[in-house]
């Protein structure tokens, strides 16, 4: 008799699950009607399978929409039917973020004061191009480019040097090398100095490009 009562109770308990709409709820008794699986929590997140890129690429015949977390690139990956698509973090600045500060070449040091509440800066700088040997020459090298996130302190004053382009025979502002026999001089570097304005205070540098010559120009700077 007890066995039959237990069977009946189990059947009655399971009945609502069988007759409820298609959605399954975890942490909620009322899953959204449009969701096959509705996970609800105010203290925990959803953790998808975590695979390295070689492990991900080893999945045989992935289903459309298959989702994993790529440990190699630290991004969610979704199979779109032909390839894995990476979904990265939203890098949109939060409301109230100060507008970007842009510094152009002036031929002199410039300063920037870190705004209140700012503890890191995204920096994107480029060195100046080398000078041409001839008026219409394009053989000179471009300056290098540096991108970094720099830790700062509100109210801190940073010193910036924006390199100047090289000229025929002459090097550009901030370290560009001179040339002889009418060749193009090297472009000046761009740099950011923290804690002072001396060369020893440089924390980020983007080198200048080489000057142009008769047959081949100077090498182009890299990132």
C-alpha atoms as a PDB file:
ATOM      1  CA  UNK A   1       0.000   0.000   0.000  1.00  0.00           C
ATOM      2  CA  UNK A   2       2.819   2.366   0.906  1.00  0.00           C
ATOM      3  CA  UNK A   3       4.515   1.641  -2.397  1.00  0.00           C
ATOM      4  CA  UNK A   4       1.356   2.556  -4.337  1.00  0.00           C
ATOM      5  CA  UNK A   5       0.891   5.790  -2.361  1.00  0.00           C
ATOM      6  CA  UNK A   6       4.517   6.780  -3.017  1.00  0.00           C
ATOM      7  CA  UNK A   7       4.092   6.078  -6.735  1.00  0.00           C
ATOM      8  CA  UNK A   8       0.923   8.177  -6.813  1.00  0.00           C
ATOM      9  CA  UNK A   9       2.598  11.087  -4.999  1.00  0.00           C
ATOM     10  CA  UNK A  10       5.538  11.025  -7.395  1.00  0.00           C
ATOM     11  CA  UNK A  11       3.176  11.018 -10.356  1.00  0.00           C
ATOM     12  CA  UNK A  12       1.214  13.975  -8.982  1.00  0.00           C
ATOM     13  CA  UNK A  13       4.436  15.902  -8.279  1.00  0.00           C
ATOM     14  CA  UNK A  14       5.813  15.294 -11.757  1.00  0.00           C
ATOM     15  CA  UNK A  15       2.555  16.111 -13.552  1.00  0.00           C
ATOM     16  CA  UNK A  16       3.007  19.922 -13.513  1.00  0.00           C
ATOM     17  CA  UNK A  17       6.481  19.517 -15.048  1.00  0.00           C
ATOM     18  CA  UNK A  18       5.058  17.460 -17.866  1.00  0.00           C
ATOM     19  CA  UNK A  19       2.149  19.784 -18.592  1.00  0.00           C
ATOM     20  CA  UNK A  20       3.946  23.094 -18.091  1.00  0.00           C
ATOM     21  CA  UNK A  21       4.962  25.140 -21.154  1.00  0.00           C
ATOM     22  CA  UNK A  22       8.105  24.013 -22.934  1.00  0.00           C
ATOM     23  CA  UNK A  23      10.483  26.223 -20.889  1.00  0.00           C
ATOM     24  CA  UNK A  24      12.507  24.771 -18.017  1.00  0.00           C
ATOM     25  CA  UNK A  25      13.305  27.043 -15.076  1.00  0.00           C
ATOM     26  CA  UNK A  26      16.392  26.904 -12.865  1.00  0.00           C
ATOM     27  CA  UNK A  27      16.039  29.158  -9.858  1.00  0.00           C
ATOM     28  CA  UNK A  28      12.577  30.248 -10.994  1.00  0.00           C
ATOM     29  CA  UNK A  29       9.157  28.607 -10.932  1.00  0.00           C
ATOM     30  CA  UNK A  30       7.923  30.686 -13.863  1.00  0.00           C
ATOM     31  CA  UNK A  31      10.383  30.459 -16.788  1.00  0.00           C
ATOM     32  CA  UNK A  32       9.909  32.937 -19.608  1.00  0.00           C
ATOM     33  CA  UNK A  33       7.516  31.648 -22.240  1.00  0.00           C
ATOM     34  CA  UNK A  34       9.999  32.305 -25.041  1.00  0.00           C
ATOM     35  CA  UNK A  35      12.896  30.506 -23.335  1.00  0.00           C
ATOM     36  CA  UNK A  36      13.634  26.800 -23.496  1.00  0.00           C
ATOM     37  CA  UNK A  37      15.848  27.261 -20.421  1.00  0.00           C
ATOM     38  CA  UNK A  38      15.471  30.155 -17.989  1.00  0.00           C
ATOM     39  CA  UNK A  39      18.244  30.444 -15.375  1.00  0.00           C
ATOM     40  CA  UNK A  40      17.578  33.004 -12.652  1.00  0.00           C
ATOM     41  CA  UNK A  41      19.977  34.179  -9.937  1.00  0.00           C
ATOM     42  CA  UNK A  42      21.035  37.417  -8.280  1.00  0.00           C
ATOM     43  CA  UNK A  43      24.299  36.011  -6.903  1.00  0.00           C
ATOM     44  CA  UNK A  44      25.640  33.627  -9.555  1.00  0.00           C
ATOM     45  CA  UNK A  45      26.300  33.617 -13.292  1.00  0.00           C
ATOM     46  CA  UNK A  46      25.942  31.167 -16.150  1.00  0.00           C
ATOM     47  CA  UNK A  47      29.138  29.185 -16.794  1.00  0.00           C
ATOM     48  CA  UNK A  48      29.466  27.708 -20.308  1.00  0.00           C
ATOM     49  CA  UNK A  49      32.011  24.984 -21.144  1.00  0.00           C
ATOM     50  CA  UNK A  50      35.590  26.369 -21.066  1.00  0.00           C
ATOM     51  CA  UNK A  51      37.825  25.063 -23.862  1.00  0.00           C
ATOM     52  CA  UNK A  52      41.209  25.992 -25.267  1.00  0.00           C
ATOM     53  CA  UNK A  53      41.219  26.916 -28.948  1.00  0.00           C
ATOM     54  CA  UNK A  54      42.644  23.539 -30.033  1.00  0.00           C
ATOM     55  CA  UNK A  55      39.953  21.789 -27.954  1.00  0.00           C
ATOM     56  CA  UNK A  56      37.284  24.000 -29.540  1.00  0.00           C
ATOM     57  CA  UNK A  57      38.573  23.238 -33.019  1.00  0.00           C
ATOM     58  CA  UNK A  58      38.446  19.540 -32.195  1.00  0.00           C
ATOM     59  CA  UNK A  59      34.652  19.579 -31.756  1.00  0.00           C
ATOM     60  CA  UNK A  60      33.158  17.374 -34.460  1.00  0.00           C
ATOM     61  CA  UNK A  61      30.271  18.876 -36.473  1.00  0.00           C
ATOM     62  CA  UNK A  62      29.364  21.711 -34.054  1.00  0.00           C
ATOM     63  CA  UNK A  63      25.679  22.583 -33.984  1.00  0.00           C
ATOM     64  CA  UNK A  64      24.489  26.003 -35.135  1.00  0.00           C
ATOM     65  CA  UNK A  65      24.596  28.325 -32.137  1.00  0.00           C
ATOM     66  CA  UNK A  66      26.940  26.136 -30.082  1.00  0.00           C
ATOM     67  CA  UNK A  67      28.564  28.364 -27.456  1.00  0.00           C
ATOM     68  CA  UNK A  68      31.820  27.923 -25.529  1.00  0.00           C
ATOM     69  CA  UNK A  69      34.244  30.130 -23.606  1.00  0.00           C
ATOM     70  CA  UNK A  70      37.598  30.215 -25.392  1.00  0.00           C
ATOM     71  CA  UNK A  71      40.348  30.032 -22.731  1.00  0.00           C
ATOM     72  CA  UNK A  72      43.006  30.906 -25.304  1.00  0.00           C
ATOM     73  CA  UNK A  73      41.479  34.270 -26.250  1.00  0.00           C
ATOM     74  CA  UNK A  74      39.285  34.848 -23.161  1.00  0.00           C
ATOM     75  CA  UNK A  75      36.157  35.417 -25.235  1.00  0.00           C
ATOM     76  CA  UNK A  76      32.812  33.736 -25.818  1.00  0.00           C
ATOM     77  CA  UNK A  77      32.742  31.853 -29.142  1.00  0.00           C
ATOM     78  CA  UNK A  78      29.586  30.944 -31.057  1.00  0.00           C
ATOM     79  CA  UNK A  79      29.416  28.633 -34.087  1.00  0.00           C
ATOM     80  CA  UNK A  80      27.462  30.446 -36.835  1.00  0.00           C
ATOM     81  CA  UNK A  81      27.203  27.433 -39.111  1.00  0.00           C
ATOM     82  CA  UNK A  82      30.474  27.989 -40.973  1.00  0.00           C
ATOM     83  CA  UNK A  83      32.926  29.452 -38.442  1.00  0.00           C
ATOM     84  CA  UNK A  84      33.473  30.369 -34.794  1.00  0.00           C
ATOM     85  CA  UNK A  85      32.568  33.988 -34.053  1.00  0.00           C
ATOM     86  CA  UNK A  86      34.191  35.690 -31.056  1.00  0.00           C
ATOM     87  CA  UNK A  87      32.150  37.988 -28.841  1.00  0.00           C
ATOM     88  CA  UNK A  88      34.396  40.405 -26.918  1.00  0.00           C
ATOM     89  CA  UNK A  89      33.701  42.784 -24.063  1.00  0.00           C
ATOM     90  CA  UNK A  90      31.927  46.072 -24.769  1.00  0.00           C
ATOM     91  CA  UNK A  91      34.641  48.740 -24.702  1.00  0.00           C
ATOM     92  CA  UNK A  92      32.195  51.660 -24.833  1.00  0.00           C
ATOM     93  CA  UNK A  93      33.331  54.201 -22.213  1.00  0.00           C
ATOM     94  CA  UNK A  94      30.889  54.530 -19.296  1.00  0.00           C
ATOM     95  CA  UNK A  95      28.758  57.639 -18.973  1.00  0.00           C
ATOM     96  CA  UNK A  96      30.719  60.572 -17.607  1.00  0.00           C
ATOM     97  CA  UNK A  97      34.042  59.455 -19.075  1.00  0.00           C
ATOM     98  CA  UNK A  98      36.099  62.523 -20.121  1.00  0.00           C
ATOM     99  CA  UNK A  99      36.480  62.946 -23.902  1.00  0.00           C
ATOM    100  CA  UNK A 100      39.789  61.829 -25.455  1.00  0.00           C
ATOM    101  CA  UNK A 101      42.651  64.300 -25.191  1.00  0.00           C
ATOM    102  CA  UNK A 102      44.419  64.736 -28.539  1.00  0.00           C
ATOM    103  CA  UNK A 103      47.946  66.163 -28.774  1.00  0.00           C
ATOM    104  CA  UNK A 104      49.359  67.318 -32.102  1.00  0.00           C
ATOM    105  CA  UNK A 105      52.916  68.314 -32.967  1.00  0.00           C
ATOM    106  CA  UNK A 106      53.908  71.733 -31.590  1.00  0.00           C
ATOM    107  CA  UNK A 107      57.701  71.501 -31.399  1.00  0.00           C
ATOM    108  CA  UNK A 108      57.640  71.813 -27.610  1.00  0.00           C
ATOM    109  CA  UNK A 109      56.748  69.691 -24.546  1.00  0.00           C
ATOM    110  CA  UNK A 110      53.068  69.521 -23.600  1.00  0.00           C
ATOM    111  CA  UNK A 111      51.383  68.535 -20.348  1.00  0.00           C
ATOM    112  CA  UNK A 112      48.229  66.680 -19.361  1.00  0.00           C
ATOM    113  CA  UNK A 113      46.656  66.654 -15.899  1.00  0.00           C
ATOM    114  CA  UNK A 114      44.839  63.445 -14.978  1.00  0.00           C
ATOM    115  CA  UNK A 115      41.160  64.241 -14.208  1.00  0.00           C
ATOM    116  CA  UNK A 116      39.564  63.442 -10.853  1.00  0.00           C
ATOM    117  CA  UNK A 117      38.436  59.836 -10.503  1.00  0.00           C
ATOM    118  CA  UNK A 118      40.643  58.569 -13.366  1.00  0.00           C
ATOM    119  CA  UNK A 119      43.151  55.847 -12.452  1.00  0.00           C
ATOM    120  CA  UNK A 120      44.070  54.513 -15.905  1.00  0.00           C
ATOM    121  CA  UNK A 121      44.499  55.979 -19.368  1.00  0.00           C
ATOM    122  CA  UNK A 122      44.333  54.326 -22.766  1.00  0.00           C
ATOM    123  CA  UNK A 123      47.236  55.734 -24.786  1.00  0.00           C
ATOM    124  CA  UNK A 124      47.636  55.558 -28.564  1.00  0.00           C
ATOM    125  CA  UNK A 125      50.680  57.392 -29.896  1.00  0.00           C
ATOM    126  CA  UNK A 126      52.717  57.472 -33.094  1.00  0.00           C
ATOM    127  CA  UNK A 127      56.180  58.725 -33.928  1.00  0.00           C
ATOM    128  CA  UNK A 128      56.753  61.109 -36.802  1.00  0.00           C
ATOM    129  CA  UNK A 129      57.708  60.087 -40.331  1.00  0.00           C
ATOM    130  CA  UNK A 130      61.181  60.547 -41.731  1.00  0.00           C
ATOM    131  CA  UNK A 131      61.912  63.271 -44.260  1.00  0.00           C
ATOM    132  CA  UNK A 132      62.015  62.799 -48.053  1.00  0.00           C
ATOM    133  CA  UNK A 133      65.083  63.378 -50.180  1.00  0.00           C
ATOM    134  CA  UNK A 134      63.062  64.858 -53.016  1.00  0.00           C
ATOM    135  CA  UNK A 135      59.986  67.042 -52.919  1.00  0.00           C
ATOM    136  CA  UNK A 136      57.663  64.311 -54.202  1.00  0.00           C
ATOM    137  CA  UNK A 137      59.510  61.378 -52.628  1.00  0.00           C
ATOM    138  CA  UNK A 138      57.547  58.772 -50.683  1.00  0.00           C
ATOM    139  CA  UNK A 139      60.483  56.551 -49.751  1.00  0.00           C
ATOM    140  CA  UNK A 140      60.779  57.740 -46.148  1.00  0.00           C
ATOM    141  CA  UNK A 141      59.660  55.489 -43.294  1.00  0.00           C
ATOM    142  CA  UNK A 142      56.611  56.037 -41.132  1.00  0.00           C
ATOM    143  CA  UNK A 143      56.851  56.384 -37.383  1.00  0.00           C
ATOM    144  CA  UNK A 144      56.188  53.525 -34.985  1.00  0.00           C
ATOM    145  CA  UNK A 145      52.947  53.185 -33.047  1.00  0.00           C
ATOM    146  CA  UNK A 146      52.465  52.351 -29.360  1.00  0.00           C
ATOM    147  CA  UNK A 147      49.182  51.417 -27.666  1.00  0.00           C
ATOM    148  CA  UNK A 148      48.955  50.770 -23.940  1.00  0.00           C
ATOM    149  CA  UNK A 149      46.912  51.214 -20.766  1.00  0.00           C
ATOM    150  CA  UNK A 150      48.815  53.346 -18.257  1.00  0.00           C
ATOM    151  CA  UNK A 151      48.133  53.408 -14.503  1.00  0.00           C
ATOM    152  CA  UNK A 152      47.859  57.003 -13.268  1.00  0.00           C
ATOM    153  CA  UNK A 153      46.839  59.031 -10.212  1.00  0.00           C
ATOM    154  CA  UNK A 154      44.167  61.778 -10.286  1.00  0.00           C
ATOM    155  CA  UNK A 155      45.828  65.192 -10.424  1.00  0.00           C
ATOM    156  CA  UNK A 156      49.106  63.748 -11.755  1.00  0.00           C
ATOM    157  CA  UNK A 157      50.797  65.852 -14.454  1.00  0.00           C
ATOM    158  CA  UNK A 158      52.134  63.925 -17.456  1.00  0.00           C
ATOM    159  CA  UNK A 159      54.575  65.394 -19.954  1.00  0.00           C
ATOM    160  CA  UNK A 160      54.180  64.574 -23.642  1.00  0.00           C
ATOM    161  CA  UNK A 161      56.557  65.051 -26.548  1.00  0.00           C
ATOM    162  CA  UNK A 162      54.967  64.711 -29.999  1.00  0.00           C
ATOM    163  CA  UNK A 163      57.638  64.002 -32.593  1.00  0.00           C
ATOM    164  CA  UNK A 164      58.176  66.228 -35.601  1.00  0.00           C
ATOM    165  CA  UNK A 165      58.646  64.956 -39.154  1.00  0.00           C
ATOM    166  CA  UNK A 166      62.117  64.819 -40.634  1.00  0.00           C
ATOM    167  CA  UNK A 167      63.140  67.183 -43.400  1.00  0.00           C
ATOM    168  CA  UNK A 168      65.761  67.133 -46.139  1.00  0.00           C
ATOM    169  CA  UNK A 169      69.060  66.862 -44.233  1.00  0.00           C
ATOM    170  CA  UNK A 170      67.334  67.610 -40.909  1.00  0.00           C
ATOM    171  CA  UNK A 171      65.997  65.385 -38.144  1.00  0.00           C
ATOM    172  CA  UNK A 172      62.571  65.951 -36.636  1.00  0.00           C
ATOM    173  CA  UNK A 173      61.823  67.320 -33.166  1.00  0.00           C
ATOM    174  CA  UNK A 174      62.511  64.958 -30.266  1.00  0.00           C
ATOM    175  CA  UNK A 175      65.419  62.888 -31.435  1.00  0.00           C
ATOM    176  CA  UNK A 176      65.173  62.597 -35.206  1.00  0.00           C
ATOM    177  CA  UNK A 177      68.591  61.872 -36.745  1.00  0.00           C
ATOM    178  CA  UNK A 178      70.057  64.291 -39.274  1.00  0.00           C
ATOM    179  CA  UNK A 179      71.215  63.295 -42.753  1.00  0.00           C
ATOM    180  CA  UNK A 180      73.874  64.424 -45.208  1.00  0.00           C
ATOM    181  CA  UNK A 181      74.213  64.785 -48.978  1.00  0.00           C
ATOM    182  CA  UNK A 182      70.613  65.916 -49.300  1.00  0.00           C
ATOM    183  CA  UNK A 183      69.008  62.770 -47.880  1.00  0.00           C
ATOM    184  CA  UNK A 184      65.949  62.858 -45.663  1.00  0.00           C
ATOM    185  CA  UNK A 185      66.425  63.155 -41.903  1.00  0.00           C
ATOM    186  CA  UNK A 186      64.794  60.807 -39.418  1.00  0.00           C
ATOM    187  CA  UNK A 187      61.454  61.543 -37.791  1.00  0.00           C
ATOM    188  CA  UNK A 188      61.256  62.435 -34.120  1.00  0.00           C
ATOM    189  CA  UNK A 189      59.893  60.038 -31.522  1.00  0.00           C
ATOM    190  CA  UNK A 190      56.710  60.638 -29.540  1.00  0.00           C
ATOM    191  CA  UNK A 191      56.862  59.812 -25.848  1.00  0.00           C
ATOM    192  CA  UNK A 192      55.019  60.156 -22.568  1.00  0.00           C
ATOM    193  CA  UNK A 193      56.864  60.963 -19.342  1.00  0.00           C
ATOM    194  CA  UNK A 194      55.549  60.230 -15.874  1.00  0.00           C
ATOM    195  CA  UNK A 195      56.945  61.599 -12.612  1.00  0.00           C
ATOM    196  CA  UNK A 196      59.099  64.191 -14.356  1.00  0.00           C
ATOM    197  CA  UNK A 197      60.133  65.625 -17.726  1.00  0.00           C
ATOM    198  CA  UNK A 198      63.586  64.056 -18.118  1.00  0.00           C
ATOM    199  CA  UNK A 199      64.500  61.303 -20.579  1.00  0.00           C
ATOM    200  CA  UNK A 200      64.689  58.876 -17.649  1.00  0.00           C
ATOM    201  CA  UNK A 201      61.000  59.561 -16.913  1.00  0.00           C
ATOM    202  CA  UNK A 202      59.784  58.167 -20.259  1.00  0.00           C
ATOM    203  CA  UNK A 203      57.300  55.303 -19.776  1.00  0.00           C
ATOM    204  CA  UNK A 204      55.914  55.030 -23.333  1.00  0.00           C
ATOM    205  CA  UNK A 205      57.770  55.696 -26.585  1.00  0.00           C
ATOM    206  CA  UNK A 206      56.827  55.486 -30.286  1.00  0.00           C
ATOM    207  CA  UNK A 207      59.955  55.740 -32.447  1.00  0.00           C
ATOM    208  CA  UNK A 208      60.314  57.971 -35.481  1.00  0.00           C
ATOM    209  CA  UNK A 209      60.653  56.705 -39.044  1.00  0.00           C
ATOM    210  CA  UNK A 210      63.839  56.644 -41.125  1.00  0.00           C
ATOM    211  CA  UNK A 211      64.563  59.267 -43.759  1.00  0.00           C
ATOM    212  CA  UNK A 212      64.382  58.733 -47.512  1.00  0.00           C
ATOM    213  CA  UNK A 213      67.431  58.229 -49.734  1.00  0.00           C
ATOM    214  CA  UNK A 214      68.292  57.756 -53.402  1.00  0.00           C
ATOM    215  CA  UNK A 215      67.150  54.183 -53.851  1.00  0.00           C
ATOM    216  CA  UNK A 216      65.321  53.004 -50.754  1.00  0.00           C
ATOM    217  CA  UNK A 217      63.704  54.718 -47.834  1.00  0.00           C
ATOM    218  CA  UNK A 218      64.175  54.190 -44.130  1.00  0.00           C
ATOM    219  CA  UNK A 219      62.445  51.327 -42.391  1.00  0.00           C
ATOM    220  CA  UNK A 220      58.908  51.857 -41.171  1.00  0.00           C
ATOM    221  CA  UNK A 221      58.226  51.755 -37.450  1.00  0.00           C
ATOM    222  CA  UNK A 222      56.089  48.956 -36.086  1.00  0.00           C
ATOM    223  CA  UNK A 223      53.467  48.780 -33.356  1.00  0.00           C
END
